[in-house]
Amino acid sequence: MSNYVPSAVATLVISDGRLLLGRRIKKQQFEGWQCPGGFMQIQETVEEASKRCCLNKAGIHIADTKEGPYTNNIFSTSDEITHSITLYVIAKEYQVIDVERFSDNQVAWTWFDFDKIPSQRFLPLDQLLKSYDLASLISL
């Protein structure tokens, strides 16, 4: 087991007071709603990782980005404990590049009003929303 904590990015894609979320499916199990994101690659900036993950996961190109907060994520199950840091990016502009990926029925990318975000969320997003008000984050 490594003593290093992996870094991930997640992008808060905001449009008309709504947040883009997709269903996180791992081993065919629903783990909660999440922002487009993933682990950073070596020598990649946070913004580059955010853009890559948005394109690869949701089929969107993002713009008008700025760095946001971070979450310290400790996942604990009966089998293992994993730890990661998620660095958030806020994107206020997007364009769908890959309609098929954006329309993926399994992930179900969906726009949610800030006050109607589902309660079943992937841990990093859940921690973020317990610590920050979305409306205040987009004004950073």
N, C-alpha and C. Protein backbone atom coordinates (compact mmCIF):
# COMPACT_ATOMS: atom_id res chain seq x y z
N MET A 1 0.84 -1.19 0.00
CA MET A 1 0.00 0.00 0.00
C MET A 1 0.89 1.25 0.00
N SER A 2 0.59 2.15 -0.88
CA SER A 2 1.35 3.38 -1.00
C SER A 2 0.96 4.36 0.10
N ASN A 3 1.93 5.17 0.52
CA ASN A 3 1.65 6.21 1.51
C ASN A 3 1.22 7.52 0.86
N TYR A 4 1.11 7.54 -0.46
CA TYR A 4 0.72 8.74 -1.17
C TYR A 4 -0.78 8.74 -1.44
N VAL A 5 -1.36 9.92 -1.36
CA VAL A 5 -2.81 10.06 -1.59
C VAL A 5 -3.02 10.55 -3.01
N PRO A 6 -3.77 9.80 -3.84
CA PRO A 6 -4.01 10.23 -5.22
C PRO A 6 -4.87 11.50 -5.30
N SER A 7 -4.61 12.26 -6.35
CA SER A 7 -5.37 13.50 -6.61
C SER A 7 -6.36 13.27 -7.74
N ALA A 8 -7.55 13.77 -7.54
CA ALA A 8 -8.59 13.69 -8.56
C ALA A 8 -9.12 15.10 -8.81
N VAL A 9 -9.80 15.25 -9.93
CA VAL A 9 -10.49 16.51 -10.22
C VAL A 9 -11.97 16.20 -10.40
N ALA A 10 -12.79 17.18 -10.11
CA ALA A 10 -14.22 17.11 -10.40
C ALA A 10 -14.63 18.51 -10.83
N THR A 11 -15.49 18.57 -11.83
CA THR A 11 -15.86 19.86 -12.38
C THR A 11 -17.32 20.16 -12.08
N LEU A 12 -17.53 21.32 -11.46
CA LEU A 12 -18.87 21.82 -11.22
C LEU A 12 -19.27 22.59 -12.47
N VAL A 13 -19.99 21.92 -13.38
CA VAL A 13 -20.44 22.55 -14.61
C VAL A 13 -21.78 23.21 -14.29
N ILE A 14 -21.79 24.54 -14.39
CA ILE A 14 -22.94 25.34 -13.98
C ILE A 14 -23.57 25.99 -15.21
N SER A 15 -24.90 25.90 -15.32
CA SER A 15 -25.61 26.56 -16.41
C SER A 15 -27.00 26.96 -15.91
N ASP A 16 -27.31 28.23 -16.00
CA ASP A 16 -28.63 28.75 -15.61
C ASP A 16 -29.04 28.31 -14.20
N GLY A 17 -28.12 28.38 -13.26
CA GLY A 17 -28.43 28.02 -11.88
C GLY A 17 -28.62 26.54 -11.65
N ARG A 18 -28.10 25.74 -12.55
CA ARG A 18 -28.22 24.28 -12.43
C ARG A 18 -26.83 23.65 -12.50
N LEU A 19 -26.70 22.47 -11.90
CA LEU A 19 -25.45 21.73 -11.83
C LEU A 19 -25.59 20.44 -12.62
N LEU A 20 -24.57 20.12 -13.43
CA LEU A 20 -24.57 18.89 -14.22
C LEU A 20 -24.02 17.74 -13.37
N LEU A 21 -24.81 16.68 -13.25
CA LEU A 21 -24.40 15.49 -12.51
C LEU A 21 -24.70 14.24 -13.32
N GLY A 22 -23.88 13.22 -13.11
CA GLY A 22 -24.11 11.91 -13.73
C GLY A 22 -24.08 10.83 -12.68
N ARG A 23 -24.67 9.71 -13.00
CA ARG A 23 -24.68 8.58 -12.07
C ARG A 23 -23.34 7.87 -12.09
N ARG A 24 -22.75 7.64 -10.92
CA ARG A 24 -21.49 6.90 -10.82
C ARG A 24 -21.84 5.42 -10.68
N ILE A 25 -21.38 4.66 -11.66
CA ILE A 25 -21.62 3.22 -11.65
C ILE A 25 -20.26 2.52 -11.56
N LYS A 26 -20.09 1.66 -10.58
CA LYS A 26 -18.84 0.91 -10.44
C LYS A 26 -19.22 -0.55 -10.16
N LYS A 27 -18.66 -1.44 -10.96
CA LYS A 27 -18.99 -2.87 -10.84
C LYS A 27 -20.51 -3.07 -10.88
N GLN A 28 -21.15 -2.34 -11.77
CA GLN A 28 -22.59 -2.39 -12.02
C GLN A 28 -23.43 -2.00 -10.81
N GLN A 29 -22.83 -1.25 -9.88
CA GLN A 29 -23.55 -0.76 -8.71
C GLN A 29 -23.60 0.76 -8.74
N PHE A 30 -24.76 1.32 -8.47
CA PHE A 30 -24.92 2.77 -8.40
C PHE A 30 -24.30 3.26 -7.10
N GLU A 31 -23.32 4.19 -7.21
CA GLU A 31 -22.62 4.71 -6.03
C GLU A 31 -23.03 6.14 -5.69
N GLY A 32 -23.92 6.72 -6.47
CA GLY A 32 -24.37 8.08 -6.19
C GLY A 32 -24.13 8.99 -7.38
N TRP A 33 -24.71 10.18 -7.31
CA TRP A 33 -24.55 11.18 -8.35
C TRP A 33 -23.21 11.87 -8.17
N GLN A 34 -22.60 12.26 -9.28
CA GLN A 34 -21.28 12.88 -9.23
C GLN A 34 -21.12 13.89 -10.36
N CYS A 35 -20.11 14.75 -10.21
CA CYS A 35 -19.70 15.69 -11.26
C CYS A 35 -18.78 14.95 -12.22
N PRO A 36 -18.62 15.44 -13.45
CA PRO A 36 -17.62 14.83 -14.33
C PRO A 36 -16.23 15.00 -13.69
N GLY A 37 -15.47 13.93 -13.67
CA GLY A 37 -14.15 14.00 -13.04
C GLY A 37 -13.40 12.70 -13.16
N GLY A 38 -12.24 12.66 -12.54
CA GLY A 38 -11.39 11.48 -12.53
C GLY A 38 -10.02 11.82 -11.98
N PHE A 39 -9.13 10.85 -11.97
CA PHE A 39 -7.79 11.05 -11.42
C PHE A 39 -6.93 11.86 -12.37
N MET A 40 -6.03 12.62 -11.78
CA MET A 40 -5.10 13.42 -12.56
C MET A 40 -3.99 12.54 -13.12
N GLN A 41 -3.45 12.95 -14.24
CA GLN A 41 -2.33 12.25 -14.85
C GLN A 41 -1.05 13.03 -14.56
N ILE A 42 0.09 12.35 -14.62
CA ILE A 42 1.38 12.97 -14.36
C ILE A 42 1.60 14.15 -15.29
N GLN A 43 2.08 15.25 -14.75
CA GLN A 43 2.41 16.49 -15.44
C GLN A 43 1.19 17.21 -16.02
N GLU A 44 0.02 16.90 -15.53
CA GLU A 44 -1.20 17.53 -16.00
C GLU A 44 -1.61 18.61 -14.99
N THR A 45 -2.02 19.77 -15.48
CA THR A 45 -2.53 20.80 -14.58
C THR A 45 -3.96 20.44 -14.17
N VAL A 46 -4.45 21.09 -13.13
CA VAL A 46 -5.82 20.84 -12.69
C VAL A 46 -6.80 21.18 -13.80
N GLU A 47 -6.58 22.31 -14.49
CA GLU A 47 -7.48 22.70 -15.58
C GLU A 47 -7.42 21.70 -16.73
N GLU A 48 -6.24 21.23 -17.09
CA GLU A 48 -6.12 20.23 -18.16
C GLU A 48 -6.85 18.95 -17.79
N ALA A 49 -6.68 18.51 -16.55
CA ALA A 49 -7.36 17.29 -16.09
C ALA A 49 -8.87 17.47 -16.13
N SER A 50 -9.33 18.64 -15.71
CA SER A 50 -10.76 18.92 -15.72
C SER A 50 -11.32 18.86 -17.13
N LYS A 51 -10.64 19.50 -18.06
CA LYS A 51 -11.10 19.50 -19.45
C LYS A 51 -11.08 18.09 -20.04
N ARG A 52 -10.03 17.33 -19.76
CA ARG A 52 -9.93 15.95 -20.27
C ARG A 52 -11.07 15.09 -19.71
N CYS A 53 -11.29 15.18 -18.41
CA CYS A 53 -12.33 14.36 -17.79
C CYS A 53 -13.73 14.74 -18.26
N CYS A 54 -13.99 16.04 -18.44
CA CYS A 54 -15.30 16.45 -18.94
C CYS A 54 -15.54 15.91 -20.35
N LEU A 55 -14.52 15.95 -21.19
CA LEU A 55 -14.66 15.44 -22.55
C LEU A 55 -14.80 13.92 -22.54
N ASN A 56 -13.93 13.23 -21.78
CA ASN A 56 -13.95 11.76 -21.77
C ASN A 56 -15.18 11.18 -21.09
N LYS A 57 -15.63 11.81 -20.02
CA LYS A 57 -16.75 11.25 -19.26
C LYS A 57 -18.11 11.74 -19.74
N ALA A 58 -18.21 13.03 -20.05
CA ALA A 58 -19.53 13.60 -20.38
C ALA A 58 -19.65 14.06 -21.83
N GLY A 59 -18.55 14.03 -22.57
CA GLY A 59 -18.61 14.46 -23.97
C GLY A 59 -18.76 15.96 -24.14
N ILE A 60 -18.30 16.74 -23.14
CA ILE A 60 -18.44 18.19 -23.22
C ILE A 60 -17.08 18.88 -23.17
N HIS A 61 -17.02 20.00 -23.85
CA HIS A 61 -15.87 20.90 -23.77
C HIS A 61 -16.28 22.02 -22.82
N ILE A 62 -15.42 22.34 -21.85
CA ILE A 62 -15.74 23.38 -20.89
C ILE A 62 -14.87 24.61 -21.10
N ALA A 63 -15.39 25.77 -20.67
CA ALA A 63 -14.66 27.04 -20.76
C ALA A 63 -15.08 27.91 -19.58
N ASP A 64 -14.46 29.08 -19.49
CA ASP A 64 -14.71 30.01 -18.39
C ASP A 64 -14.57 29.27 -17.06
N THR A 65 -13.38 28.69 -16.86
CA THR A 65 -13.14 27.88 -15.67
C THR A 65 -12.33 28.65 -14.63
N LYS A 66 -12.51 28.23 -13.39
CA LYS A 66 -11.67 28.73 -12.31
C LYS A 66 -11.57 27.65 -11.24
N GLU A 67 -10.49 27.73 -10.48
CA GLU A 67 -10.27 26.74 -9.44
C GLU A 67 -11.28 26.95 -8.31
N GLY A 68 -11.71 25.84 -7.75
CA GLY A 68 -12.65 25.87 -6.64
C GLY A 68 -12.03 25.25 -5.41
N PRO A 69 -12.83 24.77 -4.48
CA PRO A 69 -12.32 24.17 -3.25
C PRO A 69 -11.83 22.74 -3.49
N TYR A 70 -11.52 22.06 -2.43
CA TYR A 70 -11.12 20.65 -2.50
C TYR A 70 -11.83 19.87 -1.40
N THR A 71 -11.87 18.55 -1.56
CA THR A 71 -12.36 17.69 -0.49
C THR A 71 -11.33 16.62 -0.19
N ASN A 72 -11.26 16.22 1.06
CA ASN A 72 -10.37 15.16 1.53
C ASN A 72 -11.26 13.93 1.75
N ASN A 73 -11.12 12.93 0.88
CA ASN A 73 -12.07 11.81 0.83
C ASN A 73 -11.47 10.53 1.40
N ILE A 74 -12.08 10.02 2.44
CA ILE A 74 -11.66 8.73 2.99
C ILE A 74 -12.84 7.79 2.85
N PHE A 75 -12.67 6.81 1.97
CA PHE A 75 -13.71 5.82 1.68
C PHE A 75 -13.45 4.60 2.55
N SER A 76 -14.43 4.17 3.28
CA SER A 76 -14.25 3.03 4.16
C SER A 76 -15.35 2.00 3.90
N THR A 77 -14.92 0.79 3.57
CA THR A 77 -15.85 -0.33 3.43
C THR A 77 -15.36 -1.44 4.35
N SER A 78 -16.12 -2.51 4.40
CA SER A 78 -15.69 -3.64 5.24
C SER A 78 -14.42 -4.28 4.71
N ASP A 79 -14.14 -4.10 3.40
CA ASP A 79 -12.97 -4.72 2.78
C ASP A 79 -11.72 -3.84 2.78
N GLU A 80 -11.90 -2.52 2.66
CA GLU A 80 -10.72 -1.67 2.50
C GLU A 80 -11.03 -0.21 2.84
N ILE A 81 -9.94 0.53 2.99
CA ILE A 81 -10.03 1.97 3.17
C ILE A 81 -9.21 2.60 2.05
N THR A 82 -9.79 3.55 1.34
CA THR A 82 -9.06 4.28 0.31
C THR A 82 -9.17 5.77 0.62
N HIS A 83 -8.21 6.50 0.09
CA HIS A 83 -8.12 7.92 0.42
C HIS A 83 -7.74 8.66 -0.85
N SER A 84 -8.39 9.79 -1.11
CA SER A 84 -8.05 10.64 -2.25
C SER A 84 -8.38 12.08 -1.91
N ILE A 85 -7.82 12.97 -2.70
CA ILE A 85 -8.12 14.39 -2.61
C ILE A 85 -8.81 14.77 -3.92
N THR A 86 -9.93 15.47 -3.86
CA THR A 86 -10.59 15.94 -5.07
C THR A 86 -10.47 17.45 -5.15
N LEU A 87 -9.89 17.90 -6.26
CA LEU A 87 -9.72 19.33 -6.53
C LEU A 87 -10.85 19.75 -7.46
N TYR A 88 -11.62 20.72 -7.04
CA TYR A 88 -12.78 21.13 -7.84
C TYR A 88 -12.45 22.29 -8.76
N VAL A 89 -13.05 22.24 -9.94
CA VAL A 89 -12.98 23.31 -10.93
C VAL A 89 -14.41 23.74 -11.19
N ILE A 90 -14.62 25.03 -11.34
CA ILE A 90 -15.94 25.56 -11.65
C ILE A 90 -15.94 26.00 -13.11
N ALA A 91 -16.87 25.49 -13.89
CA ALA A 91 -16.98 25.84 -15.31
C ALA A 91 -18.35 26.45 -15.56
N LYS A 92 -18.34 27.65 -16.15
CA LYS A 92 -19.60 28.35 -16.41
C LYS A 92 -20.02 28.27 -17.87
N GLU A 93 -19.19 27.69 -18.72
CA GLU A 93 -19.55 27.51 -20.12
C GLU A 93 -19.23 26.08 -20.53
N TYR A 94 -20.08 25.54 -21.38
CA TYR A 94 -19.85 24.20 -21.89
C TYR A 94 -20.43 24.09 -23.29
N GLN A 95 -19.94 23.10 -24.01
CA GLN A 95 -20.49 22.78 -25.33
C GLN A 95 -20.45 21.26 -25.47
N VAL A 96 -21.55 20.67 -25.86
CA VAL A 96 -21.59 19.23 -26.09
C VAL A 96 -20.83 18.93 -27.37
N ILE A 97 -19.80 18.11 -27.27
CA ILE A 97 -18.97 17.72 -28.41
C ILE A 97 -19.35 16.31 -28.87
N ASP A 98 -19.60 15.43 -27.89
CA ASP A 98 -19.91 14.02 -28.17
C ASP A 98 -21.33 13.75 -27.66
N VAL A 99 -22.31 13.88 -28.53
CA VAL A 99 -23.72 13.74 -28.14
C VAL A 99 -24.00 12.34 -27.59
N GLU A 100 -23.38 11.33 -28.17
CA GLU A 100 -23.61 9.95 -27.72
C GLU A 100 -23.14 9.77 -26.28
N ARG A 101 -21.98 10.30 -25.95
CA ARG A 101 -21.46 10.18 -24.58
C ARG A 101 -22.30 11.01 -23.62
N PHE A 102 -22.69 12.21 -24.02
CA PHE A 102 -23.49 13.08 -23.16
C PHE A 102 -24.87 12.46 -22.91
N SER A 103 -25.37 11.71 -23.86
CA SER A 103 -26.71 11.12 -23.75
C SER A 103 -26.70 9.69 -23.20
N ASP A 104 -25.57 9.22 -22.71
CA ASP A 104 -25.42 7.85 -22.19
C ASP A 104 -26.50 7.58 -21.13
N ASN A 105 -27.36 6.60 -21.39
CA ASN A 105 -28.46 6.29 -20.49
C ASN A 105 -28.00 5.74 -19.14
N GLN A 106 -26.87 5.03 -19.11
CA GLN A 106 -26.40 4.47 -17.84
C GLN A 106 -25.91 5.58 -16.90
N VAL A 107 -25.15 6.52 -17.44
CA VAL A 107 -24.65 7.62 -16.61
C VAL A 107 -25.73 8.66 -16.38
N ALA A 108 -26.58 8.88 -17.36
CA ALA A 108 -27.74 9.78 -17.26
C ALA A 108 -27.35 11.19 -16.82
N TRP A 109 -26.46 11.84 -17.59
CA TRP A 109 -26.10 13.23 -17.28
C TRP A 109 -27.37 14.07 -17.22
N THR A 110 -27.52 14.77 -16.10
CA THR A 110 -28.77 15.50 -15.82
C THR A 110 -28.44 16.84 -15.18
N TRP A 111 -29.22 17.86 -15.52
CA TRP A 111 -29.09 19.18 -14.91
C TRP A 111 -30.01 19.24 -13.70
N PHE A 112 -29.46 19.66 -12.55
CA PHE A 112 -30.23 19.77 -11.32
C PHE A 112 -30.20 21.21 -10.81
N ASP A 113 -31.38 21.73 -10.45
CA ASP A 113 -31.43 23.01 -9.75
C ASP A 113 -30.65 22.85 -8.45
N PHE A 114 -30.02 23.93 -8.00
CA PHE A 114 -29.19 23.86 -6.79
C PHE A 114 -29.97 23.32 -5.59
N ASP A 115 -31.24 23.63 -5.50
CA ASP A 115 -32.03 23.18 -4.34
C ASP A 115 -32.69 21.82 -4.56
N LYS A 116 -32.37 21.15 -5.68
CA LYS A 116 -32.98 19.84 -5.97
C LYS A 116 -31.93 18.78 -6.29
N ILE A 117 -30.74 18.94 -5.77
CA ILE A 117 -29.67 17.97 -6.01
C ILE A 117 -29.99 16.70 -5.23
N PRO A 118 -29.89 15.53 -5.87
CA PRO A 118 -30.25 14.28 -5.19
C PRO A 118 -29.44 14.06 -3.91
N SER A 119 -30.04 13.40 -2.95
CA SER A 119 -29.36 13.14 -1.68
C SER A 119 -28.38 11.98 -1.78
N GLN A 120 -28.58 11.09 -2.74
CA GLN A 120 -27.64 9.97 -2.91
C GLN A 120 -26.50 10.45 -3.82
N ARG A 121 -25.37 10.83 -3.17
CA ARG A 121 -24.26 11.43 -3.90
C ARG A 121 -22.98 10.66 -3.62
N PHE A 122 -22.08 10.67 -4.61
CA PHE A 122 -20.75 10.11 -4.43
C PHE A 122 -20.05 10.91 -3.33
N LEU A 123 -19.24 10.26 -2.51
CA LEU A 123 -18.67 10.86 -1.31
C LEU A 123 -18.04 12.24 -1.52
N PRO A 124 -17.16 12.45 -2.52
CA PRO A 124 -16.56 13.79 -2.66
C PRO A 124 -17.60 14.89 -2.86
N LEU A 125 -18.60 14.65 -3.70
CA LEU A 125 -19.63 15.66 -3.92
C LEU A 125 -20.45 15.87 -2.65
N ASP A 126 -20.75 14.80 -1.94
CA ASP A 126 -21.50 14.92 -0.70
C ASP A 126 -20.74 15.78 0.31
N GLN A 127 -19.44 15.54 0.44
CA GLN A 127 -18.64 16.33 1.37
C GLN A 127 -18.59 17.80 0.94
N LEU A 128 -18.45 18.03 -0.35
CA LEU A 128 -18.41 19.40 -0.85
C LEU A 128 -19.69 20.14 -0.50
N LEU A 129 -20.84 19.50 -0.77
CA LEU A 129 -22.12 20.16 -0.55
C LEU A 129 -22.46 20.33 0.94
N LYS A 130 -21.84 19.53 1.80
CA LYS A 130 -22.03 19.71 3.24
C LYS A 130 -21.18 20.87 3.77
N SER A 131 -20.14 21.23 3.03
CA SER A 131 -19.22 22.28 3.48
C SER A 131 -19.43 23.63 2.79
N TYR A 132 -20.01 23.61 1.59
CA TYR A 132 -20.12 24.84 0.80
C TYR A 132 -21.53 25.00 0.23
N ASP A 133 -21.92 26.23 0.07
CA ASP A 133 -23.16 26.58 -0.59
C ASP A 133 -22.84 26.76 -2.09
N LEU A 134 -23.55 26.05 -2.97
CA LEU A 134 -23.25 26.12 -4.40
C LEU A 134 -23.34 27.55 -4.95
N ALA A 135 -24.32 28.28 -4.53
CA ALA A 135 -24.48 29.65 -5.03
C ALA A 135 -23.26 30.49 -4.69
N SER A 136 -22.69 30.29 -3.50
CA SER A 136 -21.51 31.07 -3.14
C SER A 136 -20.27 30.58 -3.89
N LEU A 137 -20.23 29.30 -4.23
CA LEU A 137 -19.08 28.77 -4.97
C LEU A 137 -18.99 29.35 -6.38
N ILE A 138 -20.12 29.54 -7.03
CA ILE A 138 -20.05 30.03 -8.41
C ILE A 138 -19.66 31.50 -8.47
N SER A 139 -19.71 32.18 -7.32
CA SER A 139 -19.29 33.57 -7.32
C SER A 139 -17.82 33.73 -6.92
N LEU A 140 -17.12 32.61 -6.72
CA LEU A 140 -15.69 32.68 -6.35
C LEU A 140 -14.88 33.40 -7.40
